[in-house]
Amino acid sequence: MHTVYYRPAVFSGQRVYRACAKVSYMEIYCEHVRDLLNPNNKNKSLRVREHPLLGPYVEDLSKLVVTSYADISDLIDDGNKARSDLDPAGYLYFITLLVSEYFDSVLSPSSHCPRYRT
């Protein structure tokens, strides 16, 4: 099995480094943006926002940590099952985000790279 970019916490003196991969999956259909990985938002249309430095983003879009290609494949399958049945012409976006973090001391409990999917 292939692994996706994931590096657990590495301690170097007082500095801590950790990295992981996160994915999101959304559908845009008739000007509505839907999160395909969050079944609680099935009928909720998400809002597209603009960050002054980072550019456009989708507010409240799920970002799930993955550690293998099997995780990615499972999430794509789950997302495809959650798609609108109205028209297969909706636009699908599968987004991969690599996250790395540095800490000056002990890991924060609100870390962006939990060990398992969130």
N, C-alpha and C. Protein backbone atom coordinates (compact mmCIF):
# COMPACT_ATOMS: atom_id res chain seq x y z
N MET A 1 0.84 -1.17 0.00
CA MET A 1 0.00 0.00 0.00
C MET A 1 0.89 1.25 0.00
N HIS A 2 0.58 2.19 -0.84
CA HIS A 2 1.32 3.44 -0.89
C HIS A 2 0.85 4.36 0.23
N THR A 3 1.77 5.12 0.77
CA THR A 3 1.39 6.08 1.80
C THR A 3 1.42 7.48 1.22
N VAL A 4 0.58 8.31 1.75
CA VAL A 4 0.52 9.70 1.36
C VAL A 4 1.45 10.47 2.27
N TYR A 5 1.83 11.64 1.87
CA TYR A 5 2.73 12.47 2.65
C TYR A 5 2.21 12.66 4.07
N TYR A 6 2.87 12.04 5.01
CA TYR A 6 2.51 12.19 6.42
C TYR A 6 3.78 12.00 7.23
N ARG A 7 4.05 12.90 8.10
CA ARG A 7 5.21 12.78 8.96
C ARG A 7 4.79 13.09 10.38
N PRO A 8 4.91 12.11 11.27
CA PRO A 8 4.53 12.38 12.66
C PRO A 8 5.48 13.39 13.29
N ALA A 9 5.20 13.77 14.49
CA ALA A 9 6.00 14.77 15.18
C ALA A 9 7.45 14.34 15.28
N VAL A 10 8.35 15.25 14.95
CA VAL A 10 9.78 15.03 15.06
C VAL A 10 10.31 16.07 16.04
N PHE A 11 11.01 15.61 17.04
CA PHE A 11 11.51 16.51 18.07
C PHE A 11 12.97 16.83 17.80
N SER A 12 13.30 18.10 17.78
CA SER A 12 14.67 18.55 17.58
C SER A 12 14.94 19.62 18.62
N GLY A 13 15.51 19.22 19.73
CA GLY A 13 15.70 20.17 20.82
C GLY A 13 14.34 20.58 21.36
N GLN A 14 14.05 21.85 21.36
CA GLN A 14 12.76 22.35 21.82
C GLN A 14 11.78 22.58 20.67
N ARG A 15 12.23 22.33 19.43
CA ARG A 15 11.39 22.60 18.25
C ARG A 15 10.73 21.31 17.77
N VAL A 16 9.45 21.36 17.42
CA VAL A 16 8.70 20.21 16.98
C VAL A 16 8.19 20.47 15.56
N TYR A 17 8.32 19.48 14.67
CA TYR A 17 7.85 19.58 13.29
C TYR A 17 6.91 18.42 13.00
N ARG A 18 5.82 18.70 12.29
CA ARG A 18 4.88 17.65 11.91
C ARG A 18 4.26 18.05 10.57
N ALA A 19 3.97 17.06 9.72
CA ALA A 19 3.38 17.34 8.41
C ALA A 19 2.35 16.27 8.08
N CYS A 20 1.35 16.65 7.25
CA CYS A 20 0.33 15.69 6.83
C CYS A 20 -0.34 16.19 5.56
N ALA A 21 -1.19 15.34 5.01
CA ALA A 21 -1.98 15.70 3.82
C ALA A 21 -3.46 15.72 4.21
N LYS A 22 -4.16 16.74 3.71
CA LYS A 22 -5.61 16.85 3.93
C LYS A 22 -6.30 16.95 2.58
N VAL A 23 -7.54 16.46 2.52
CA VAL A 23 -8.29 16.55 1.27
C VAL A 23 -9.69 17.11 1.53
N SER A 24 -10.23 17.73 0.49
CA SER A 24 -11.61 18.21 0.48
C SER A 24 -12.21 17.79 -0.85
N TYR A 25 -13.52 17.69 -0.89
CA TYR A 25 -14.21 17.30 -2.12
C TYR A 25 -15.52 18.08 -2.18
N MET A 26 -15.70 18.86 -3.25
CA MET A 26 -16.90 19.67 -3.35
C MET A 26 -17.49 19.57 -4.75
N GLU A 27 -18.78 19.91 -4.81
CA GLU A 27 -19.51 19.93 -6.07
C GLU A 27 -20.09 21.33 -6.26
N ILE A 28 -19.96 21.85 -7.47
CA ILE A 28 -20.60 23.12 -7.81
C ILE A 28 -21.63 22.83 -8.88
N TYR A 29 -22.89 23.11 -8.57
CA TYR A 29 -24.00 22.83 -9.47
C TYR A 29 -25.02 23.95 -9.32
N CYS A 30 -25.40 24.58 -10.42
CA CYS A 30 -26.38 25.68 -10.42
C CYS A 30 -26.02 26.74 -9.38
N GLU A 31 -24.75 27.14 -9.36
CA GLU A 31 -24.24 28.18 -8.47
C GLU A 31 -24.34 27.83 -6.99
N HIS A 32 -24.49 26.56 -6.67
CA HIS A 32 -24.49 26.09 -5.28
C HIS A 32 -23.24 25.24 -5.06
N VAL A 33 -22.56 25.49 -3.94
CA VAL A 33 -21.36 24.74 -3.59
C VAL A 33 -21.71 23.80 -2.45
N ARG A 34 -21.45 22.49 -2.65
CA ARG A 34 -21.77 21.48 -1.64
C ARG A 34 -20.53 20.73 -1.22
N ASP A 35 -20.42 20.46 0.06
CA ASP A 35 -19.35 19.66 0.63
C ASP A 35 -19.74 18.19 0.50
N LEU A 36 -19.01 17.43 -0.30
CA LEU A 36 -19.36 16.03 -0.53
C LEU A 36 -18.83 15.09 0.55
N LEU A 37 -18.00 15.59 1.45
CA LEU A 37 -17.44 14.75 2.50
C LEU A 37 -18.09 14.97 3.86
N ASN A 38 -19.08 15.84 3.92
CA ASN A 38 -19.78 16.10 5.18
C ASN A 38 -21.27 15.84 4.97
N PRO A 39 -21.76 14.66 5.37
CA PRO A 39 -23.18 14.34 5.15
C PRO A 39 -24.14 15.25 5.92
N ASN A 40 -23.66 15.93 6.95
CA ASN A 40 -24.51 16.86 7.71
C ASN A 40 -24.86 18.11 6.92
N ASN A 41 -24.08 18.41 5.88
CA ASN A 41 -24.32 19.60 5.05
C ASN A 41 -24.92 19.24 3.70
N LYS A 42 -25.67 18.14 3.64
CA LYS A 42 -26.18 17.64 2.37
C LYS A 42 -26.94 18.68 1.56
N ASN A 43 -27.80 19.45 2.20
CA ASN A 43 -28.60 20.44 1.46
C ASN A 43 -28.14 21.87 1.70
N LYS A 44 -27.01 22.04 2.36
CA LYS A 44 -26.50 23.37 2.66
C LYS A 44 -25.57 23.83 1.55
N SER A 45 -25.79 25.04 1.05
CA SER A 45 -24.90 25.62 0.05
C SER A 45 -23.83 26.43 0.78
N LEU A 46 -22.57 26.11 0.52
CA LEU A 46 -21.46 26.80 1.17
C LEU A 46 -21.15 28.10 0.44
N ARG A 47 -20.50 29.01 1.14
CA ARG A 47 -20.18 30.31 0.57
C ARG A 47 -18.72 30.39 0.16
N VAL A 48 -18.47 30.98 -1.00
CA VAL A 48 -17.11 31.22 -1.47
C VAL A 48 -16.70 32.59 -0.96
N ARG A 49 -15.53 32.64 -0.35
CA ARG A 49 -15.01 33.88 0.23
C ARG A 49 -13.65 34.19 -0.40
N GLU A 50 -13.16 35.39 -0.13
CA GLU A 50 -11.84 35.79 -0.63
C GLU A 50 -10.98 36.23 0.54
N HIS A 51 -9.85 35.54 0.72
CA HIS A 51 -8.89 35.93 1.74
C HIS A 51 -7.94 36.94 1.10
N PRO A 52 -7.59 38.02 1.80
CA PRO A 52 -6.74 39.06 1.19
C PRO A 52 -5.37 38.56 0.74
N LEU A 53 -4.81 37.56 1.41
CA LEU A 53 -3.50 37.05 1.02
C LEU A 53 -3.55 35.72 0.30
N LEU A 54 -4.44 34.83 0.71
CA LEU A 54 -4.48 33.47 0.16
C LEU A 54 -5.42 33.30 -1.03
N GLY A 55 -6.31 34.26 -1.25
CA GLY A 55 -7.22 34.18 -2.38
C GLY A 55 -8.53 33.51 -2.03
N PRO A 56 -9.25 33.00 -3.04
CA PRO A 56 -10.58 32.42 -2.80
C PRO A 56 -10.52 31.11 -2.02
N TYR A 57 -11.54 30.89 -1.21
CA TYR A 57 -11.69 29.65 -0.46
C TYR A 57 -13.17 29.41 -0.19
N VAL A 58 -13.52 28.19 0.19
CA VAL A 58 -14.91 27.84 0.49
C VAL A 58 -15.05 27.75 2.01
N GLU A 59 -15.91 28.58 2.54
CA GLU A 59 -16.14 28.64 3.98
C GLU A 59 -16.79 27.34 4.47
N ASP A 60 -16.29 26.80 5.57
CA ASP A 60 -16.82 25.58 6.23
C ASP A 60 -16.66 24.31 5.40
N LEU A 61 -15.77 24.29 4.43
CA LEU A 61 -15.51 23.08 3.65
C LEU A 61 -14.68 22.11 4.50
N SER A 62 -15.09 20.84 4.56
CA SER A 62 -14.37 19.82 5.33
C SER A 62 -12.96 19.63 4.79
N LYS A 63 -12.04 19.40 5.70
CA LYS A 63 -10.67 19.04 5.34
C LYS A 63 -10.32 17.81 6.18
N LEU A 64 -10.19 16.66 5.53
CA LEU A 64 -9.93 15.41 6.23
C LEU A 64 -8.49 14.96 6.03
N VAL A 65 -7.85 14.52 7.10
CA VAL A 65 -6.48 14.03 7.03
C VAL A 65 -6.48 12.64 6.41
N VAL A 66 -5.57 12.42 5.46
CA VAL A 66 -5.42 11.11 4.83
C VAL A 66 -3.98 10.64 5.01
N THR A 67 -3.82 9.32 5.09
CA THR A 67 -2.48 8.76 5.26
C THR A 67 -2.13 7.75 4.18
N SER A 68 -3.08 7.44 3.29
CA SER A 68 -2.79 6.46 2.23
C SER A 68 -3.68 6.73 1.02
N TYR A 69 -3.30 6.13 -0.09
CA TYR A 69 -4.13 6.25 -1.28
C TYR A 69 -5.47 5.55 -1.09
N ALA A 70 -5.49 4.53 -0.25
CA ALA A 70 -6.76 3.86 0.05
C ALA A 70 -7.72 4.82 0.74
N ASP A 71 -7.21 5.67 1.65
CA ASP A 71 -8.05 6.70 2.28
C ASP A 71 -8.64 7.63 1.23
N ILE A 72 -7.80 8.05 0.30
CA ILE A 72 -8.24 8.97 -0.76
C ILE A 72 -9.31 8.31 -1.62
N SER A 73 -9.07 7.08 -2.02
CA SER A 73 -10.03 6.35 -2.85
C SER A 73 -11.37 6.19 -2.14
N ASP A 74 -11.32 5.84 -0.85
CA ASP A 74 -12.55 5.70 -0.08
C ASP A 74 -13.32 7.01 0.00
N LEU A 75 -12.61 8.13 0.21
CA LEU A 75 -13.27 9.42 0.31
C LEU A 75 -13.88 9.85 -1.03
N ILE A 76 -13.20 9.56 -2.13
CA ILE A 76 -13.75 9.87 -3.44
C ILE A 76 -15.04 9.06 -3.67
N ASP A 77 -15.01 7.78 -3.32
CA ASP A 77 -16.20 6.94 -3.45
C ASP A 77 -17.35 7.48 -2.60
N ASP A 78 -17.05 7.83 -1.34
CA ASP A 78 -18.08 8.38 -0.45
C ASP A 78 -18.64 9.69 -1.02
N GLY A 79 -17.75 10.54 -1.51
CA GLY A 79 -18.18 11.82 -2.08
C GLY A 79 -19.03 11.64 -3.32
N ASN A 80 -18.66 10.69 -4.16
CA ASN A 80 -19.45 10.43 -5.38
C ASN A 80 -20.86 9.95 -5.04
N LYS A 81 -21.00 9.19 -3.96
CA LYS A 81 -22.32 8.73 -3.53
C LYS A 81 -23.18 9.89 -3.03
N ALA A 82 -22.54 10.95 -2.54
CA ALA A 82 -23.26 12.10 -1.99
C ALA A 82 -23.60 13.15 -3.05
N ARG A 83 -23.19 12.93 -4.30
CA ARG A 83 -23.44 13.91 -5.36
C ARG A 83 -24.92 14.10 -5.64
N SER A 84 -25.23 15.24 -6.24
CA SER A 84 -26.60 15.52 -6.67
C SER A 84 -26.99 14.54 -7.76
N ASP A 85 -28.18 13.99 -7.64
CA ASP A 85 -28.68 13.09 -8.67
C ASP A 85 -29.36 13.84 -9.81
N LEU A 86 -29.47 15.16 -9.64
CA LEU A 86 -30.20 15.96 -10.61
C LEU A 86 -29.53 16.01 -11.97
N ASP A 87 -28.23 16.22 -11.99
CA ASP A 87 -27.52 16.38 -13.25
C ASP A 87 -26.06 16.00 -13.07
N PRO A 88 -25.57 15.07 -13.87
CA PRO A 88 -24.16 14.70 -13.74
C PRO A 88 -23.21 15.77 -14.26
N ALA A 89 -23.74 16.90 -14.71
CA ALA A 89 -22.90 17.95 -15.29
C ALA A 89 -22.34 18.91 -14.24
N GLY A 90 -22.58 18.65 -12.96
CA GLY A 90 -22.01 19.51 -11.93
C GLY A 90 -20.50 19.41 -11.94
N TYR A 91 -19.82 20.47 -11.53
CA TYR A 91 -18.37 20.49 -11.49
C TYR A 91 -17.89 19.91 -10.16
N LEU A 92 -16.91 19.01 -10.21
CA LEU A 92 -16.36 18.38 -9.02
C LEU A 92 -14.93 18.86 -8.82
N TYR A 93 -14.58 19.15 -7.57
CA TYR A 93 -13.23 19.58 -7.23
C TYR A 93 -12.74 18.75 -6.06
N PHE A 94 -11.65 18.01 -6.28
CA PHE A 94 -11.00 17.26 -5.21
C PHE A 94 -9.71 18.00 -4.91
N ILE A 95 -9.58 18.49 -3.69
CA ILE A 95 -8.48 19.38 -3.33
C ILE A 95 -7.56 18.66 -2.35
N THR A 96 -6.26 18.71 -2.62
CA THR A 96 -5.27 18.14 -1.71
C THR A 96 -4.44 19.28 -1.14
N LEU A 97 -4.27 19.27 0.16
CA LEU A 97 -3.53 20.32 0.85
C LEU A 97 -2.45 19.67 1.70
N LEU A 98 -1.20 20.07 1.50
CA LEU A 98 -0.11 19.58 2.34
C LEU A 98 0.11 20.60 3.45
N VAL A 99 0.09 20.14 4.69
CA VAL A 99 0.20 21.01 5.84
C VAL A 99 1.44 20.64 6.63
N SER A 100 2.26 21.63 6.96
CA SER A 100 3.39 21.39 7.85
C SER A 100 3.32 22.40 8.98
N GLU A 101 3.75 21.95 10.15
CA GLU A 101 3.65 22.79 11.33
C GLU A 101 4.95 22.75 12.10
N TYR A 102 5.30 23.87 12.68
CA TYR A 102 6.43 23.97 13.59
C TYR A 102 5.93 24.51 14.91
N PHE A 103 6.40 23.92 15.99
CA PHE A 103 6.04 24.36 17.32
C PHE A 103 7.34 24.62 18.08
N ASP A 104 7.33 25.59 18.97
CA ASP A 104 8.51 25.87 19.78
C ASP A 104 8.59 24.98 21.01
N SER A 105 7.48 24.31 21.35
CA SER A 105 7.50 23.44 22.52
C SER A 105 6.52 22.30 22.32
N VAL A 106 5.81 21.91 23.33
CA VAL A 106 4.89 20.78 23.29
C VAL A 106 3.80 21.01 22.25
N LEU A 107 3.36 19.91 21.59
CA LEU A 107 2.32 20.01 20.57
C LEU A 107 1.03 20.57 21.13
N SER A 108 0.41 21.41 20.36
CA SER A 108 -0.86 22.01 20.74
C SER A 108 -1.99 21.02 20.49
N PRO A 109 -2.97 20.92 21.40
CA PRO A 109 -4.10 20.00 21.16
C PRO A 109 -4.96 20.43 19.97
N SER A 110 -4.84 21.68 19.53
CA SER A 110 -5.63 22.15 18.39
C SER A 110 -4.83 22.07 17.10
N SER A 111 -3.91 21.14 17.03
CA SER A 111 -3.05 20.98 15.87
C SER A 111 -3.85 20.75 14.59
N HIS A 112 -3.30 21.22 13.47
CA HIS A 112 -3.98 21.05 12.17
C HIS A 112 -3.76 19.67 11.58
N CYS A 113 -2.86 18.88 12.13
CA CYS A 113 -2.55 17.55 11.60
C CYS A 113 -2.80 16.48 12.64
N PRO A 114 -4.04 16.16 12.95
CA PRO A 114 -4.28 15.08 13.90
C PRO A 114 -3.82 13.75 13.31
N ARG A 115 -3.61 12.79 14.14
CA ARG A 115 -3.12 11.49 13.67
C ARG A 115 -4.15 10.78 12.79
N TYR A 116 -5.42 10.96 13.06
CA TYR A 116 -6.46 10.30 12.29
C TYR A 116 -7.38 11.33 11.65
N ARG A 117 -8.24 10.87 10.75
CA ARG A 117 -9.16 11.79 10.07
C ARG A 117 -10.05 12.47 11.08
N THR A 118 -10.37 13.75 10.78
CA THR A 118 -11.27 14.51 11.65
C THR A 118 -12.47 14.97 10.88
